[in-house]
């Protein structure tokens, strides 16, 4: 039928937030486009609109990056140094962690997830080689809250990036948040002082547990609203899929 979008739909997970009002608690899902290139444009526009000052300090960019046709770098942006490229990569290491968004567990050790994420970064880096004259930035993003852990996790990834060779001038993680916001974490480059006192081995052993926001059970007693999540369910699912126990 004419007018229909024939592009393949890209699988995504669940992003959203809990909304607390005087009337109670609700779950608000962040709706993403269907096609891969539209999702990437959504991420870039959201990041550069909501975190413009932070990204401008990092990229020294002039204006918002422009999306390129297929078989090229994802985006091109103008900086104070000239034309630079921006590549995107979704943080969703499903090949090693569950196979699909439907079957991926809701509990991981931080080290397991960090290694899976860096393996995907290294795989992408291998396409470009270590010595290039052009400048490439890597923007990581997620479409599922299971792959958007809190900052200590990203310090693990940052530590790996600090000691491993890669061709990217910068590596940044972005997660859409709320109606019109974004969470940004700079992974590389960072000063060595960031790792002063950072116990990577201890952080790697920590267990990351998340739950589907839509699975929350909302209850009301008088004027008080509560929401409860079954984190045991995440752990039981983790064990079914062979995820390691915390030691």
Protein backbone atom coordinates (compact mmCIF):
# COMPACT_ATOMS: atom_id res chain seq x y z
CA UNK A 1 0.00 0.00 0.00
CA UNK A 2 1.39 3.41 -0.94
CA UNK A 3 2.41 5.67 1.90
CA UNK A 4 3.41 2.82 4.21
CA UNK A 5 6.92 2.74 5.69
CA UNK A 6 8.58 -0.35 4.23
CA UNK A 7 11.71 -0.07 6.37
CA UNK A 8 12.24 -2.95 8.81
CA UNK A 9 11.22 -2.37 12.40
CA UNK A 10 14.12 -2.39 14.84
CA UNK A 11 13.52 -4.40 18.04
CA UNK A 12 13.61 -2.28 21.18
CA UNK A 13 13.08 -2.84 24.87
CA UNK A 14 11.22 -0.75 27.44
CA UNK A 15 12.15 2.75 28.55
CA UNK A 16 10.03 4.83 30.87
CA UNK A 17 9.61 6.41 34.24
CA UNK A 18 7.35 6.38 37.26
CA UNK A 19 5.20 9.49 37.58
CA UNK A 20 4.18 10.53 41.09
CA UNK A 21 1.26 12.93 41.45
CA UNK A 22 -1.28 13.79 44.12
CA UNK A 23 -3.63 11.37 42.36
CA UNK A 24 -1.25 8.41 42.58
CA UNK A 25 1.55 6.64 40.72
CA UNK A 26 1.62 5.77 37.06
CA UNK A 27 4.06 4.36 34.54
CA UNK A 28 4.89 6.55 31.56
CA UNK A 29 6.59 4.77 28.67
CA UNK A 30 9.01 6.58 26.37
CA UNK A 31 7.78 5.87 22.85
CA UNK A 32 10.53 5.33 20.30
CA UNK A 33 10.32 5.32 16.50
CA UNK A 34 10.29 1.99 14.68
CA UNK A 35 13.12 2.25 12.13
CA UNK A 36 16.79 2.18 13.18
CA UNK A 37 17.71 5.46 11.49
CA UNK A 38 14.71 7.20 13.08
CA UNK A 39 15.66 5.90 16.53
CA UNK A 40 19.22 7.17 16.07
CA UNK A 41 17.96 10.58 14.97
CA UNK A 42 15.66 10.65 18.00
CA UNK A 43 18.61 9.92 20.31
CA UNK A 44 20.90 12.52 18.76
CA UNK A 45 18.27 15.25 18.69
CA UNK A 46 17.22 14.52 22.28
CA UNK A 47 20.83 14.50 23.51
CA UNK A 48 21.90 17.68 21.74
CA UNK A 49 18.72 19.51 22.72
CA UNK A 50 18.65 18.51 26.39
CA UNK A 51 22.38 18.32 27.10
CA UNK A 52 23.61 20.93 24.63
CA UNK A 53 25.98 22.68 27.02
CA UNK A 54 27.70 19.49 28.21
CA UNK A 55 28.08 18.11 24.69
CA UNK A 56 29.27 21.41 23.27
CA UNK A 57 32.09 21.47 25.81
CA UNK A 58 33.05 17.95 24.77
CA UNK A 59 32.60 18.08 21.00
CA UNK A 60 33.16 21.81 20.38
CA UNK A 61 30.44 21.35 17.79
CA UNK A 62 28.65 23.99 15.78
CA UNK A 63 24.97 23.09 15.48
CA UNK A 64 23.29 19.69 15.64
CA UNK A 65 24.93 16.74 13.80
CA UNK A 66 23.41 15.93 10.41
CA UNK A 67 22.32 12.39 9.64
CA UNK A 68 23.98 10.71 6.65
CA UNK A 69 22.59 8.20 4.14
CA UNK A 70 23.25 4.49 4.71
CA UNK A 71 26.72 3.03 4.07
CA UNK A 72 28.39 6.04 5.62
CA UNK A 73 29.10 7.33 9.11
CA UNK A 74 25.82 7.78 10.98
CA UNK A 75 26.14 11.54 11.47
CA UNK A 76 28.44 14.37 10.46
CA UNK A 77 29.04 17.39 12.65
CA UNK A 78 31.00 20.57 12.34
CA UNK A 79 33.41 21.39 15.13
CA UNK A 80 35.99 24.07 15.77
CA UNK A 81 38.53 21.66 14.23
CA UNK A 82 36.51 20.93 11.09
CA UNK A 83 34.24 18.12 9.95
CA UNK A 84 33.97 15.16 12.33
CA UNK A 85 31.93 11.95 12.37
CA UNK A 86 29.52 10.61 14.96
CA UNK A 87 28.79 6.89 15.11
CA UNK A 88 25.98 5.40 17.21
CA UNK A 89 25.84 2.03 18.92
CA UNK A 90 22.99 0.62 20.96
CA UNK A 91 23.95 -0.87 24.31
CA UNK A 92 22.09 -4.17 23.99
CA UNK A 93 24.58 -7.07 24.07
CA UNK A 94 21.83 -9.58 23.44
CA UNK A 95 24.02 -12.14 21.67
CA UNK A 96 25.78 -12.91 24.95
CA UNK A 97 23.09 -11.81 27.42
CA UNK A 98 19.81 -13.48 26.61
CA UNK A 99 19.30 -13.50 22.86
CA UNK A 100 16.44 -10.98 22.68
CA UNK A 101 14.73 -8.24 24.67
CA UNK A 102 11.99 -10.73 25.54
CA UNK A 103 14.38 -13.27 27.05
CA UNK A 104 17.21 -11.08 28.39
CA UNK A 105 17.45 -11.34 32.21
CA UNK A 106 16.81 -8.48 34.60
CA UNK A 107 19.86 -9.22 36.76
CA UNK A 108 23.56 -9.24 35.89
CA UNK A 109 26.85 -8.79 37.63
CA UNK A 110 28.28 -5.38 36.74
CA UNK A 111 31.46 -6.97 35.40
CA UNK A 112 29.54 -9.31 33.13
CA UNK A 113 27.56 -6.48 31.59
CA UNK A 114 30.60 -4.17 31.34
CA UNK A 115 32.60 -6.83 29.48
CA UNK A 116 29.69 -7.50 27.12
CA UNK A 117 29.32 -3.78 26.37
CA UNK A 118 33.03 -3.32 25.76
CA UNK A 119 33.13 -6.38 23.50
CA UNK A 120 30.56 -4.65 21.29
CA UNK A 121 32.57 -1.41 21.34
CA UNK A 122 35.74 -3.30 20.41
CA UNK A 123 33.89 -5.05 17.60
CA UNK A 124 32.78 -1.71 16.21
CA UNK A 125 36.25 -0.23 16.69
CA UNK A 126 37.80 -3.04 14.66
CA UNK A 127 35.94 -1.75 11.58
CA UNK A 128 37.96 1.46 11.64
CA UNK A 129 41.42 0.48 12.84
CA UNK A 130 43.46 2.31 15.45
CA UNK A 131 45.24 4.86 13.21
CA UNK A 132 42.93 7.13 11.28
CA UNK A 133 43.27 10.68 10.07
CA UNK A 134 39.55 11.40 10.36
CA UNK A 135 37.92 12.03 13.74
CA UNK A 136 35.22 9.64 14.97
CA UNK A 137 33.08 10.04 18.08
CA UNK A 138 31.05 7.13 19.47
CA UNK A 139 27.65 7.73 21.05
CA UNK A 140 26.24 4.76 22.94
CA UNK A 141 22.52 4.65 23.67
CA UNK A 142 19.94 2.27 25.05
CA UNK A 143 16.32 1.42 24.35
CA UNK A 144 15.86 -0.72 27.46
CA UNK A 145 16.35 0.29 31.09
CA UNK A 146 18.18 -3.00 31.83
CA UNK A 147 21.10 -1.58 29.88
CA UNK A 148 21.12 1.82 31.58
CA UNK A 149 22.73 1.11 34.97
CA UNK A 150 23.72 3.85 37.46
CA UNK A 151 27.04 5.78 37.19
CA UNK A 152 29.36 3.39 39.10
CA UNK A 153 28.79 0.87 36.30
CA UNK A 154 29.88 3.33 33.63
CA UNK A 155 33.06 4.02 35.58
CA UNK A 156 33.94 0.35 35.00
CA UNK A 157 33.44 0.81 31.25
CA UNK A 158 35.37 4.08 31.42
CA UNK A 159 38.25 2.32 33.16
CA UNK A 160 38.38 -0.29 30.40
CA UNK A 161 38.30 2.42 27.73
CA UNK A 162 41.12 4.23 29.55
CA UNK A 163 43.48 1.26 29.25
CA UNK A 164 42.38 -0.24 25.92
CA UNK A 165 43.28 1.13 22.49
CA UNK A 166 40.40 2.33 20.31
CA UNK A 167 39.94 4.81 17.43
CA UNK A 168 37.28 7.01 19.03
CA UNK A 169 38.04 10.57 20.07
CA UNK A 170 35.18 10.41 22.57
CA UNK A 171 32.78 7.77 23.88
CA UNK A 172 29.55 8.96 25.48
CA UNK A 173 26.50 7.10 26.78
CA UNK A 174 23.02 8.61 26.38
CA UNK A 175 19.69 7.39 27.73
CA UNK A 176 16.41 9.22 27.01
CA UNK A 177 14.64 10.27 30.19
CA UNK A 178 11.18 11.62 30.87
CA UNK A 179 9.15 13.58 28.36
CA UNK A 180 12.08 15.61 27.09
CA UNK A 181 15.33 14.93 28.89
CA UNK A 182 18.41 12.76 28.57
CA UNK A 183 20.99 11.22 30.87
CA UNK A 184 24.58 11.65 29.66
CA UNK A 185 27.71 9.88 30.89
CA UNK A 186 31.14 10.65 29.40
CA UNK A 187 33.11 7.40 29.18
CA UNK A 188 36.17 8.66 27.33
CA UNK A 189 38.24 10.69 27.54
CA UNK A 190 38.33 11.20 31.30
CA UNK A 191 41.23 12.24 33.55
CA UNK A 192 43.16 9.49 35.34
CA UNK A 193 42.11 11.07 38.63
CA UNK A 194 38.58 9.77 38.03
CA UNK A 195 39.83 6.33 39.03
CA UNK A 196 41.57 7.42 42.22
CA UNK A 197 40.13 5.26 44.96
CA UNK A 198 37.90 3.39 42.49
CA UNK A 199 37.83 -0.32 43.34
CA UNK A 200 36.99 -1.82 39.96
CA UNK A 201 37.17 -5.41 41.19
CA UNK A 202 34.60 -4.69 43.91
CA UNK A 203 32.32 -2.81 41.53
CA UNK A 204 32.49 -5.68 39.05
CA UNK A 205 31.13 -8.09 41.66
CA UNK A 206 28.03 -6.00 42.34
CA UNK A 207 24.70 -7.34 41.19
CA UNK A 208 22.61 -5.06 38.95
CA UNK A 209 18.90 -5.75 39.32
CA UNK A 210 16.11 -4.02 37.42
CA UNK A 211 12.42 -4.67 36.91
CA UNK A 212 9.85 -3.82 34.29
CA UNK A 213 8.21 -0.59 35.42
CA UNK A 214 4.95 -1.84 34.00
CA UNK A 215 5.14 -4.86 36.36
CA UNK A 216 4.93 -2.65 39.45
CA UNK A 217 1.95 -3.35 41.71
CA UNK A 218 0.32 -0.09 42.78
CA UNK A 219 -1.65 0.00 46.00
CA UNK A 220 -3.56 2.75 47.81
CA UNK A 221 -4.28 2.97 51.52
CA UNK A 222 -6.01 6.13 52.61
CA UNK A 223 -4.20 8.96 50.88
CA UNK A 224 -0.96 7.00 50.53
CA UNK A 225 0.12 5.29 47.30
CA UNK A 226 2.83 2.64 47.09
CA UNK A 227 4.38 0.65 44.27
CA UNK A 228 6.03 -2.74 44.78
CA UNK A 229 8.36 -4.68 42.50
CA UNK A 230 9.18 -8.37 42.75
CA UNK A 231 12.98 -8.27 42.49
CA UNK A 232 13.04 -11.95 43.36
CA UNK A 233 11.42 -12.52 39.97
CA UNK A 234 14.41 -10.88 38.29
CA UNK A 235 16.81 -13.08 40.23
CA UNK A 236 14.85 -16.25 39.47
CA UNK A 237 14.80 -15.36 35.77
CA UNK A 238 18.52 -14.62 35.95
CA UNK A 239 19.25 -18.11 37.25
CA UNK A 240 17.04 -19.72 34.58
CA UNK A 241 19.19 -18.08 31.92
CA UNK A 242 22.43 -19.11 33.55
CA UNK A 243 23.46 -15.74 34.94
CA UNK A 244 26.13 -16.06 37.66
CA UNK A 245 25.31 -15.58 41.31
CA UNK A 246 26.87 -12.71 43.22
CA UNK A 247 29.90 -13.86 45.20
